[in-house]
PDB file of N, CA and C in Angstrom:
ATOM      1  N   MET A   1    -172.159 259.853  68.474  1.00  0.00           N
ATOM      2  CA  MET A   1    -173.585 259.883  68.260  1.00  0.00           C
ATOM      3  C   MET A   1    -174.113 261.238  68.673  1.00  0.00           C
ATOM      4  N   THR A   2    -175.000 261.789  67.904  1.00  0.00           N
ATOM      5  CA  THR A   2    -175.623 263.052  68.255  1.00  0.00           C
ATOM      6  C   THR A   2    -177.114 262.843  68.446  1.00  0.00           C
ATOM      7  N   PHE A   3    -177.724 263.669  69.244  1.00  0.00           N
ATOM      8  CA  PHE A   3    -179.141 263.568  69.544  1.00  0.00           C
ATOM      9  C   PHE A   3    -179.697 264.975  69.675  1.00  0.00           C
ATOM     10  N   HIS A   4    -180.838 265.224  69.046  1.00  0.00           N
ATOM     11  CA  HIS A   4    -181.492 266.530  69.112  1.00  0.00           C
ATOM     12  C   HIS A   4    -182.970 266.328  69.375  1.00  0.00           C
ATOM     13  N   GLN A   5    -183.549 267.194  70.184  1.00  0.00           N
ATOM     14  CA  GLN A   5    -184.986 267.172  70.413  1.00  0.00           C
ATOM     15  C   GLN A   5    -185.518 268.559  70.104  1.00  0.00           C
ATOM     16  N   ASN A   6    -186.490 268.623  69.196  1.00  0.00           N
ATOM     17  CA  ASN A   6    -187.127 269.893  68.853  1.00  0.00           C
ATOM     18  C   ASN A   6    -188.589 269.813  69.239  1.00  0.00           C
ATOM     19  N   SER A   7    -189.093 270.871  69.799  1.00  0.00           N
ATOM     20  CA  SER A   7    -190.495 270.889  70.170  1.00  0.00           C
ATOM     21  C   SER A   7    -191.080 272.252  69.861  1.00  0.00           C
ATOM     22  N   THR A   8    -192.155 272.272  69.120  1.00  0.00           N
ATOM     23  CA  THR A   8    -192.865 273.509  68.841  1.00  0.00           C
ATOM     24  C   THR A   8    -194.303 273.311  69.285  1.00  0.00           C
ATOM     25  N   PRO A   9    -194.678 273.888  70.425  1.00  0.00           N
ATOM     26  CA  PRO A   9    -196.030 273.687  70.926  1.00  0.00           C
ATOM     27  C   PRO A   9    -197.068 274.255  69.968  1.00  0.00           C
ATOM     28  N   ARG A  10    -198.095 273.477  69.746  1.00  0.00           N
ATOM     29  CA  ARG A  10    -199.167 273.894  68.862  1.00  0.00           C
ATOM     30  C   ARG A  10    -200.420 273.170  69.325  1.00  0.00           C
ATOM     31  N   SER A  11    -201.523 273.827  69.324  1.00  0.00           N
ATOM     32  CA  SER A  11    -202.778 273.229  69.772  1.00  0.00           C
ATOM     33  C   SER A  11    -203.514 272.646  68.582  1.00  0.00           C
ATOM     34  N   ILE A  12    -203.757 271.336  68.624  1.00  0.00           N
ATOM     35  CA  ILE A  12    -204.489 270.656  67.565  1.00  0.00           C
ATOM     36  C   ILE A  12    -205.603 269.846  68.223  1.00  0.00           C
ATOM     37  N   PRO A  13    -206.842 270.052  67.813  1.00  0.00           N
ATOM     38  CA  PRO A  13    -207.920 269.268  68.408  1.00  0.00           C
ATOM     39  C   PRO A  13    -207.771 267.788  68.074  1.00  0.00           C
ATOM     40  N   ILE A  14    -208.081 266.928  69.013  1.00  0.00           N
ATOM     41  CA  ILE A  14    -207.968 265.491  68.795  1.00  0.00           C
ATOM     42  C   ILE A  14    -208.981 265.021  67.764  1.00  0.00           C
ATOM     43  N   LEU A  15    -210.188 265.517  67.825  1.00  0.00           N
ATOM     44  CA  LEU A  15    -211.235 265.103  66.899  1.00  0.00           C
ATOM     45  C   LEU A  15    -211.480 266.199  65.871  1.00  0.00           C
ATOM     46  N   ASP A  16    -210.595 266.316  64.924  1.00  0.00           N
ATOM     47  CA  ASP A  16    -210.709 267.313  63.871  1.00  0.00           C
ATOM     48  C   ASP A  16    -211.166 266.607  62.593  1.00  0.00           C
ATOM     49  N   LYS A  17    -212.316 266.992  62.047  1.00  0.00           N
ATOM     50  CA  LYS A  17    -212.866 266.333  60.864  1.00  0.00           C
ATOM     51  C   LYS A  17    -211.965 266.488  59.646  1.00  0.00           C
ATOM     52  N   LYS A  18    -211.159 267.544  59.606  1.00  0.00           N
ATOM     53  CA  LYS A  18    -210.277 267.762  58.472  1.00  0.00           C
ATOM     54  C   LYS A  18    -209.074 266.822  58.500  1.00  0.00           C
ATOM     55  N   SER A  19    -208.732 266.349  59.666  1.00  0.00           N
ATOM     56  CA  SER A  19    -207.555 265.504  59.819  1.00  0.00           C
ATOM     57  C   SER A  19    -207.932 264.037  59.655  1.00  0.00           C
ATOM     58  N   PRO A  20    -207.223 263.295  58.764  1.00  0.00           N
ATOM     59  CA  PRO A  20    -207.534 261.885  58.588  1.00  0.00           C
ATOM     60  C   PRO A  20    -207.119 261.033  59.777  1.00  0.00           C
ATOM     61  N   LYS A  21    -206.191 261.503  60.601  1.00  0.00           N
ATOM     62  CA  LYS A  21    -205.741 260.753  61.765  1.00  0.00           C
ATOM     63  C   LYS A  21    -206.350 261.374  63.018  1.00  0.00           C
ATOM     64  N   LEU A  22    -206.980 260.538  63.829  1.00  0.00           N
ATOM     65  CA  LEU A  22    -207.543 261.047  65.068  1.00  0.00           C
ATOM     66  C   LEU A  22    -206.492 261.151  66.162  1.00  0.00           C
ATOM     67  N   LEU A  23    -205.519 260.299  66.113  1.00  0.00           N
ATOM     68  CA  LEU A  23    -204.439 260.346  67.089  1.00  0.00           C
ATOM     69  C   LEU A  23    -203.140 260.584  66.335  1.00  0.00           C
ATOM     70  N   ASN A  24    -202.154 261.057  67.025  1.00  0.00           N
ATOM     71  CA  ASN A  24    -200.871 261.317  66.393  1.00  0.00           C
ATOM     72  C   ASN A  24    -199.843 260.335  66.946  1.00  0.00           C
ATOM     73  N   PRO A  25    -199.783 259.106  66.403  1.00  0.00           N
ATOM     74  CA  PRO A  25    -198.822 258.127  66.905  1.00  0.00           C
ATOM     75  C   PRO A  25    -197.405 258.501  66.514  1.00  0.00           C
ATOM     76  N   ALA A  26    -196.459 257.905  67.200  1.00  0.00           N
ATOM     77  CA  ALA A  26    -195.060 258.147  66.872  1.00  0.00           C
ATOM     78  C   ALA A  26    -194.744 257.539  65.513  1.00  0.00           C
ATOM     79  N   ARG A  27    -193.916 258.231  64.738  1.00  0.00           N
ATOM     80  CA  ARG A  27    -193.501 257.739  63.429  1.00  0.00           C
ATOM     81  C   ARG A  27    -191.981 257.791  63.364  1.00  0.00           C
ATOM     82  N   CYS A  28    -191.391 256.805  62.731  1.00  0.00           N
ATOM     83  CA  CYS A  28    -189.945 256.781  62.521  1.00  0.00           C
ATOM     84  C   CYS A  28    -189.658 256.975  61.051  1.00  0.00           C
ATOM     85  N   MET A  29    -188.626 257.743  60.769  1.00  0.00           N
ATOM     86  CA  MET A  29    -188.200 257.937  59.398  1.00  0.00           C
ATOM     87  C   MET A  29    -186.678 257.848  59.377  1.00  0.00           C
ATOM     88  N   THR A  30    -186.153 257.240  58.361  1.00  0.00           N
ATOM     89  CA  THR A  30    -184.712 257.247  58.199  1.00  0.00           C
ATOM     90  C   THR A  30    -184.345 258.354  57.236  1.00  0.00           C
ATOM     91  N   GLU A  31    -183.157 258.887  57.398  1.00  0.00           N
ATOM     92  CA  GLU A  31    -182.711 259.966  56.534  1.00  0.00           C
ATOM     93  C   GLU A  31    -181.635 259.507  55.568  1.00  0.00           C
ATOM     94  N   ASN A  32    -181.429 258.212  55.457  1.00  0.00           N
ATOM     95  CA  ASN A  32    -180.445 257.679  54.528  1.00  0.00           C
ATOM     96  C   ASN A  32    -181.109 257.502  53.174  1.00  0.00           C
ATOM     97  N   LEU A  33    -181.270 258.566  52.453  1.00  0.00           N
ATOM     98  CA  LEU A  33    -181.943 258.502  51.173  1.00  0.00           C
ATOM     99  C   LEU A  33    -181.036 257.924  50.096  1.00  0.00           C
ATOM    100  N   HIS A  34    -179.760 258.103  50.236  1.00  0.00           N
ATOM    101  CA  HIS A  34    -178.811 257.608  49.243  1.00  0.00           C
ATOM    102  C   HIS A  34    -177.850 256.664  49.949  1.00  0.00           C
ATOM    103  N   MET A  35    -178.137 255.370  49.908  1.00  0.00           N
ATOM    104  CA  MET A  35    -177.272 254.384  50.532  1.00  0.00           C
ATOM    105  C   MET A  35    -176.024 254.222  49.673  1.00  0.00           C
ATOM    106  N   THR A  36    -174.887 254.056  50.327  1.00  0.00           N
ATOM    107  CA  THR A  36    -173.651 253.865  49.588  1.00  0.00           C
ATOM    108  C   THR A  36    -173.603 252.461  49.012  1.00  0.00           C
ATOM    109  N   ASN A  37    -172.837 252.305  47.962  1.00  0.00           N
ATOM    110  CA  ASN A  37    -172.620 251.003  47.367  1.00  0.00           C
ATOM    111  C   ASN A  37    -171.838 250.142  48.355  1.00  0.00           C
ATOM    112  N   LYS A  38    -172.122 248.838  48.399  1.00  0.00           N
ATOM    113  CA  LYS A  38    -171.437 247.946  49.333  1.00  0.00           C
ATOM    114  C   LYS A  38    -169.925 247.993  49.132  1.00  0.00           C
ATOM    115  N   ASN A  39    -169.472 248.147  47.910  1.00  0.00           N
ATOM    116  CA  ASN A  39    -168.041 248.147  47.627  1.00  0.00           C
ATOM    117  C   ASN A  39    -167.366 249.456  48.030  1.00  0.00           C
ATOM    118  N   THR A  40    -168.107 250.531  48.131  1.00  0.00           N
ATOM    119  CA  THR A  40    -167.533 251.826  48.490  1.00  0.00           C
ATOM    120  C   THR A  40    -167.974 252.242  49.893  1.00  0.00           C
ATOM    121  N   HIS A  41    -168.322 251.269  50.705  1.00  0.00           N
ATOM    122  CA  HIS A  41    -168.820 251.525  52.056  1.00  0.00           C
ATOM    123  C   HIS A  41    -167.713 252.105  52.930  1.00  0.00           C
ATOM    124  N   SER A  42    -167.905 253.283  53.442  1.00  0.00           N
ATOM    125  CA  SER A  42    -166.903 253.986  54.233  1.00  0.00           C
ATOM    126  C   SER A  42    -167.216 253.877  55.720  1.00  0.00           C
ATOM    127  N   PRO A  43    -166.199 253.711  56.558  1.00  0.00           N
ATOM    128  CA  PRO A  43    -166.452 253.657  58.003  1.00  0.00           C
ATOM    129  C   PRO A  43    -166.925 254.992  58.563  1.00  0.00           C
ATOM    130  N   ASP A  44    -166.751 256.074  57.810  1.00  0.00           N
ATOM    131  CA  ASP A  44    -167.176 257.396  58.279  1.00  0.00           C
ATOM    132  C   ASP A  44    -168.592 257.761  57.846  1.00  0.00           C
ATOM    133  N   THR A  45    -169.290 256.829  57.199  1.00  0.00           N
ATOM    134  CA  THR A  45    -170.647 257.103  56.751  1.00  0.00           C
ATOM    135  C   THR A  45    -171.530 257.344  57.962  1.00  0.00           C
ATOM    136  N   SER A  46    -172.269 258.439  57.929  1.00  0.00           N
ATOM    137  CA  SER A  46    -173.169 258.725  59.044  1.00  0.00           C
ATOM    138  C   SER A  46    -174.603 258.381  58.650  1.00  0.00           C
ATOM    139  N   HIS A  47    -175.369 257.985  59.645  1.00  0.00           N
ATOM    140  CA  HIS A  47    -176.758 257.610  59.472  1.00  0.00           C
ATOM    141  C   HIS A  47    -177.583 258.364  60.503  1.00  0.00           C
ATOM    142  N   SER A  48    -178.865 258.482  60.255  1.00  0.00           N
ATOM    143  CA  SER A  48    -179.722 259.089  61.272  1.00  0.00           C
ATOM    144  C   SER A  48    -181.138 258.544  61.161  1.00  0.00           C
ATOM    145  N   VAL A  49    -181.812 258.568  62.287  1.00  0.00           N
ATOM    146  CA  VAL A  49    -183.214 258.178  62.393  1.00  0.00           C
ATOM    147  C   VAL A  49    -183.932 259.328  63.080  1.00  0.00           C
ATOM    148  N   VAL A  50    -185.097 259.673  62.564  1.00  0.00           N
ATOM    149  CA  VAL A  50    -185.908 260.727  63.167  1.00  0.00           C
ATOM    150  C   VAL A  50    -187.190 260.099  63.680  1.00  0.00           C
ATOM    151  N   LEU A  51    -187.499 260.320  64.947  1.00  0.00           N
ATOM    152  CA  LEU A  51    -188.751 259.864  65.542  1.00  0.00           C
ATOM    153  C   LEU A  51    -189.604 261.092  65.783  1.00  0.00           C
ATOM    154  N   MET A  52    -190.777 261.118  65.187  1.00  0.00           N
ATOM    155  CA  MET A  52    -191.704 262.223  65.397  1.00  0.00           C
ATOM    156  C   MET A  52    -192.816 261.731  66.304  1.00  0.00           C
ATOM    157  N   LYS A  53    -192.948 262.368  67.453  1.00  0.00           N
ATOM    158  CA  LYS A  53    -193.942 261.978  68.445  1.00  0.00           C
ATOM    159  C   LYS A  53    -194.710 263.233  68.845  1.00  0.00           C
ATOM    160  N   GLY A  54    -195.925 263.337  68.330  1.00  0.00           N
ATOM    161  CA  GLY A  54    -196.694 264.560  68.553  1.00  0.00           C
ATOM    162  C   GLY A  54    -195.982 265.719  67.892  1.00  0.00           C
ATOM    163  N   GLU A  55    -195.713 266.760  68.642  1.00  0.00           N
ATOM    164  CA  GLU A  55    -195.010 267.927  68.127  1.00  0.00           C
ATOM    165  C   GLU A  55    -193.510 267.841  68.362  1.00  0.00           C
ATOM    166  N   THR A  56    -193.057 266.747  68.979  1.00  0.00           N
ATOM    167  CA  THR A  56    -191.643 266.589  69.303  1.00  0.00           C
ATOM    168  C   THR A  56    -190.952 265.756  68.243  1.00  0.00           C
ATOM    169  N   GLN A  57    -189.773 266.168  67.872  1.00  0.00           N
ATOM    170  CA  GLN A  57    -188.985 265.451  66.880  1.00  0.00           C
ATOM    171  C   GLN A  57    -187.664 265.047  67.526  1.00  0.00           C
ATOM    172  N   TRP A  58    -187.412 263.743  67.540  1.00  0.00           N
ATOM    173  CA  TRP A  58    -186.169 263.200  68.086  1.00  0.00           C
ATOM    174  C   TRP A  58    -185.299 262.768  66.915  1.00  0.00           C
ATOM    175  N   ARG A  59    -184.067 263.243  66.851  1.00  0.00           N
ATOM    176  CA  ARG A  59    -183.149 262.891  65.765  1.00  0.00           C
ATOM    177  C   ARG A  59    -181.925 262.211  66.380  1.00  0.00           C
ATOM    178  N   PHE A  60    -181.661 260.982  65.932  1.00  0.00           N
ATOM    179  CA  PHE A  60    -180.514 260.220  66.403  1.00  0.00           C
ATOM    180  C   PHE A  60    -179.578 260.009  65.222  1.00  0.00           C
ATOM    181  N   ALA A  61    -178.308 260.357  65.396  1.00  0.00           N
ATOM    182  CA  ALA A  61    -177.331 260.218  64.319  1.00  0.00           C
ATOM    183  C   ALA A  61    -176.112 259.472  64.853  1.00  0.00           C
ATOM    184  N   TRP A  62    -175.540 258.608  64.007  1.00  0.00           N
ATOM    185  CA  TRP A  62    -174.365 257.836  64.385  1.00  0.00           C
ATOM    186  C   TRP A  62    -173.561 257.502  63.133  1.00  0.00           C
ATOM    187  N   LYS A  63    -172.332 257.104  63.335  1.00  0.00           N
ATOM    188  CA  LYS A  63    -171.470 256.672  62.233  1.00  0.00           C
ATOM    189  C   LYS A  63    -171.327 255.155  62.300  1.00  0.00           C
ATOM    190  N   ASN A  64    -170.856 254.560  61.217  1.00  0.00           N
ATOM    191  CA  ASN A  64    -170.620 253.120  61.190  1.00  0.00           C
ATOM    192  C   ASN A  64    -169.709 252.736  62.353  1.00  0.00           C
ATOM    193  N   GLY A  65    -170.065 251.662  63.036  1.00  0.00           N
ATOM    194  CA  GLY A  65    -169.284 251.200  64.174  1.00  0.00           C
ATOM    195  C   GLY A  65    -169.728 251.787  65.498  1.00  0.00           C
ATOM    196  N   GLU A  66    -170.585 252.802  65.497  1.00  0.00           N
ATOM    197  CA  GLU A  66    -171.059 253.435  66.725  1.00  0.00           C
ATOM    198  C   GLU A  66    -172.454 252.953  67.127  1.00  0.00           C
ATOM    199  N   GLU A  67    -172.921 251.861  66.530  1.00  0.00           N
ATOM    200  CA  GLU A  67    -174.284 251.383  66.796  1.00  0.00           C
ATOM    201  C   GLU A  67    -174.492 251.034  68.266  1.00  0.00           C
ATOM    202  N   THR A  68    -173.510 250.379  68.882  1.00  0.00           N
ATOM    203  CA  THR A  68    -173.632 249.994  70.295  1.00  0.00           C
ATOM    204  C   THR A  68    -173.725 251.226  71.190  1.00  0.00           C
ATOM    205  N   ILE A  69    -172.924 252.225  70.901  1.00  0.00           N
ATOM    206  CA  ILE A  69    -172.962 253.475  71.665  1.00  0.00           C
ATOM    207  C   ILE A  69    -174.320 254.149  71.489  1.00  0.00           C
ATOM    208  N   ALA A  70    -174.835 254.129  70.270  1.00  0.00           N
ATOM    209  CA  ALA A  70    -176.135 254.749  69.991  1.00  0.00           C
ATOM    210  C   ALA A  70    -177.252 254.042  70.743  1.00  0.00           C
ATOM    211  N   VAL A  71    -177.245 252.709  70.725  1.00  0.00           N
ATOM    212  CA  VAL A  71    -178.293 251.956  71.432  1.00  0.00           C
ATOM    213  C   VAL A  71    -178.211 252.225  72.929  1.00  0.00           C
ATOM    214  N   LYS A  72    -177.006 252.318  73.482  1.00  0.00           N
ATOM    215  CA  LYS A  72    -176.844 252.631  74.910  1.00  0.00           C
ATOM    216  C   LYS A  72    -177.428 254.008  75.221  1.00  0.00           C
ATOM    217  N   ALA A  73    -177.163 254.990  74.368  1.00  0.00           N
ATOM    218  CA  ALA A  73    -177.708 256.333  74.586  1.00  0.00           C
ATOM    219  C   ALA A  73    -179.236 256.327  74.483  1.00  0.00           C
ATOM    220  N   ILE A  74    -179.762 255.572  73.527  1.00  0.00           N
ATOM    221  CA  ILE A  74    -181.218 255.493  73.354  1.00  0.00           C
ATOM    222  C   ILE A  74    -181.871 254.854  74.580  1.00  0.00           C
ATOM    223  N   THR A  75    -181.261 253.804  75.111  1.00  0.00           N
ATOM    224  CA  THR A  75    -181.841 253.166  76.307  1.00  0.00           C
ATOM    225  C   THR A  75    -181.742 254.087  77.520  1.00  0.00           C
ATOM    226  N   ASP A  76    -180.668 254.858  77.621  1.00  0.00           N
ATOM    227  CA  ASP A  76    -180.555 255.818  78.726  1.00  0.00           C
ATOM    228  C   ASP A  76    -181.660 256.867  78.655  1.00  0.00           C
ATOM    229  N   ILE A  77    -181.971 257.322  77.457  1.00  0.00           N
ATOM    230  CA  ILE A  77    -183.049 258.305  77.298  1.00  0.00           C
ATOM    231  C   ILE A  77    -184.390 257.672  77.661  1.00  0.00           C
ATOM    232  N   ALA A  78    -184.603 256.417  77.241  1.00  0.00           N
ATOM    233  CA  ALA A  78    -185.870 255.734  77.545  1.00  0.00           C
ATOM    234  C   ALA A  78    -186.031 255.515  79.046  1.00  0.00           C
ATOM    235  N   LYS A  79    -184.932 255.284  79.759  1.00  0.00           N
ATOM    236  CA  LYS A  79    -184.974 255.088  81.221  1.00  0.00           C
ATOM    237  C   LYS A  79    -185.337 256.384  81.954  1.00  0.00           C
ATOM    238  N   SER A  80    -184.991 257.504  81.357  1.00  0.00           N
ATOM    239  CA  SER A  80    -185.182 258.795  81.997  1.00  0.00           C
ATOM    240  C   SER A  80    -186.664 259.124  82.157  1.00  0.00           C
ATOM    241  N   THR A  81    -186.996 259.751  83.262  1.00  0.00           N
ATOM    242  CA  THR A  81    -188.374 260.201  83.488  1.00  0.00           C
ATOM    243  C   THR A  81    -188.548 261.664  83.088  1.00  0.00           C
ATOM    244  N   GLU A  82    -187.495 262.288  82.583  1.00  0.00           N
ATOM    245  CA  GLU A  82    -187.535 263.702  82.218  1.00  0.00           C
ATOM    246  C   GLU A  82    -188.117 263.954  80.836  1.00  0.00           C
ATOM    247  N   THR A  83    -188.283 262.904  80.029  1.00  0.00           N
ATOM    248  CA  THR A  83    -188.809 263.071  78.673  1.00  0.00           C
ATOM    249  C   THR A  83    -189.985 262.135  78.453  1.00  0.00           C
ATOM    250  N   ASP A  84    -190.694 262.332  77.349  1.00  0.00           N
ATOM    251  CA  ASP A  84    -191.797 261.430  77.009  1.00  0.00           C
ATOM    252  C   ASP A  84    -191.343 260.340  76.039  1.00  0.00           C
ATOM    253  N   PHE A  85    -190.029 260.159  75.887  1.00  0.00           N
ATOM    254  CA  PHE A  85    -189.451 259.108  75.061  1.00  0.00           C
ATOM    255  C   PHE A  85    -189.488 257.822  75.882  1.00  0.00           C
ATOM    256  N   ASP A  86    -190.305 256.855  75.438  1.00  0.00           N
ATOM    257  CA  ASP A  86    -190.486 255.641  76.228  1.00  0.00           C
ATOM    258  C   ASP A  86    -189.830 254.433  75.559  1.00  0.00           C
ATOM    259  N   TRP A  87    -190.038 253.242  76.151  1.00  0.00           N
ATOM    260  CA  TRP A  87    -189.402 252.025  75.655  1.00  0.00           C
ATOM    261  C   TRP A  87    -189.916 251.635  74.268  1.00  0.00           C
ATOM    262  N   PHE A  88    -191.167 251.900  73.990  1.00  0.00           N
ATOM    263  CA  PHE A  88    -191.697 251.610  72.659  1.00  0.00           C
ATOM    264  C   PHE A  88    -190.993 252.479  71.620  1.00  0.00           C
ATOM    265  N   ASP A  89    -190.801 253.753  71.938  1.00  0.00           N
ATOM    266  CA  ASP A  89    -190.070 254.655  71.042  1.00  0.00           C
ATOM    267  C   ASP A  89    -188.644 254.151  70.819  1.00  0.00           C
ATOM    268  N   ALA A  90    -188.002 253.721  71.905  1.00  0.00           N
ATOM    269  CA  ALA A  90    -186.634 253.205  71.797  1.00  0.00           C
ATOM    270  C   ALA A  90    -186.591 251.979  70.893  1.00  0.00           C
ATOM    271  N   ALA A  91    -187.574 251.098  71.033  1.00  0.00           N
ATOM    272  CA  ALA A  91    -187.626 249.902  70.195  1.00  0.00           C
ATOM    273  C   ALA A  91    -187.804 250.269  68.726  1.00  0.00           C
ATOM    274  N   MET A  92    -188.645 251.253  68.452  1.00  0.00           N
ATOM    275  CA  MET A  92    -188.867 251.676  67.063  1.00  0.00           C
ATOM    276  C   MET A  92    -187.590 252.262  66.464  1.00  0.00           C
ATOM    277  N   VAL A  93    -186.893 253.088  67.227  1.00  0.00           N
ATOM    278  CA  VAL A  93    -185.653 253.699  66.735  1.00  0.00           C
ATOM    279  C   VAL A  93    -184.600 252.620  66.499  1.00  0.00           C
ATOM    280  N   CYS A  94    -184.451 251.699  67.444  1.00  0.00           N
ATOM    281  CA  CYS A  94    -183.462 250.627  67.294  1.00  0.00           C
ATOM    282  C   CYS A  94    -183.803 249.730  66.109  1.00  0.00           C
ATOM    283  N   HIS A  95    -185.083 249.499  65.871  1.00  0.00           N
ATOM    284  CA  HIS A  95    -185.496 248.699  64.710  1.00  0.00           C
ATOM    285  C   HIS A  95    -185.091 249.392  63.413  1.00  0.00           C
ATOM    286  N   GLU A  96    -185.319 250.698  63.334  1.00  0.00           N
ATOM    287  CA  GLU A  96    -184.915 251.453  62.152  1.00  0.00           C
ATOM    288  C   GLU A  96    -183.391 251.435  61.988  1.00  0.00           C
ATOM    289  N   MET A  97    -182.668 251.524  63.104  1.00  0.00           N
ATOM    290  CA  MET A  97    -181.211 251.440  63.050  1.00  0.00           C
ATOM    291  C   MET A  97    -180.772 250.106  62.470  1.00  0.00           C
ATOM    292  N   THR A  98    -181.437 249.026  62.879  1.00  0.00           N
ATOM    293  CA  THR A  98    -181.103 247.685  62.392  1.00  0.00           C
ATOM    294  C   THR A  98    -181.330 247.600  60.884  1.00  0.00           C
ATOM    295  N   LYS A  99    -182.433 248.182  60.406  1.00  0.00           N
ATOM    296  CA  LYS A  99    -182.702 248.163  58.974  1.00  0.00           C
ATOM    297  C   LYS A  99    -181.625 248.916  58.202  1.00  0.00           C
ATOM    298  N   ILE A 100    -181.178 250.043  58.715  1.00  0.00           N
ATOM    299  CA  ILE A 100    -180.131 250.823  58.067  1.00  0.00           C
ATOM    300  C   ILE A 100    -178.826 250.039  58.054  1.00  0.00           C
ATOM    301  N   THR A 101    -178.490 249.445  59.184  1.00  0.00           N
ATOM    302  CA  THR A 101    -177.238 248.684  59.296  1.00  0.00           C
ATOM    303  C   THR A 101    -177.247 247.503  58.340  1.00  0.00           C
ATOM    304  N   ALA A 102    -178.385 246.834  58.208  1.00  0.00           N
ATOM    305  CA  ALA A 102    -178.488 245.692  57.302  1.00  0.00           C
ATOM    306  C   ALA A 102    -178.311 246.131  55.843  1.00  0.00           C
ATOM    307  N   LYS A 103    -178.830 247.273  55.476  1.00  0.00           N
ATOM    308  CA  LYS A 103    -178.689 247.780  54.109  1.00  0.00           C
ATOM    309  C   LYS A 103    -177.238 248.190  53.832  1.00  0.00           C
ATOM    310  N   ALA A 104    -176.582 248.737  54.858  1.00  0.00           N
ATOM    311  CA  ALA A 104    -175.236 249.244  54.672  1.00  0.00           C
ATOM    312  C   ALA A 104    -174.193 248.130  54.637  1.00  0.00           C
ATOM    313  N   ALA A 105    -174.527 246.965  55.174  1.00  0.00           N
ATOM    314  CA  ALA A 105    -173.535 245.871  55.254  1.00  0.00           C
ATOM    315  C   ALA A 105    -173.288 245.230  53.913  1.00  0.00           C
TER     316      ALA A 105
END
């Protein structure tokens, strides 16, 4: 499993009339745009989930069969007080992982 955190500080006013969103909630996106066919499903297929929280982007990547390891790493990050990645973020990422795993099965 790989994990990357990117942060580019930028000042954005909270109440900007040009912006349709007043707050910047966390968003999850999957990067599996082309799911493999069930019959050609490879154990080496890699998947990833990107969580965007404010200006920070969290990218979690794993291969088939590494889901348990990935969830353990995600919970370890959520336990940490060194980042702003919290339990709600972990739940969102794990939910997206479950959706990917269900599609791939």
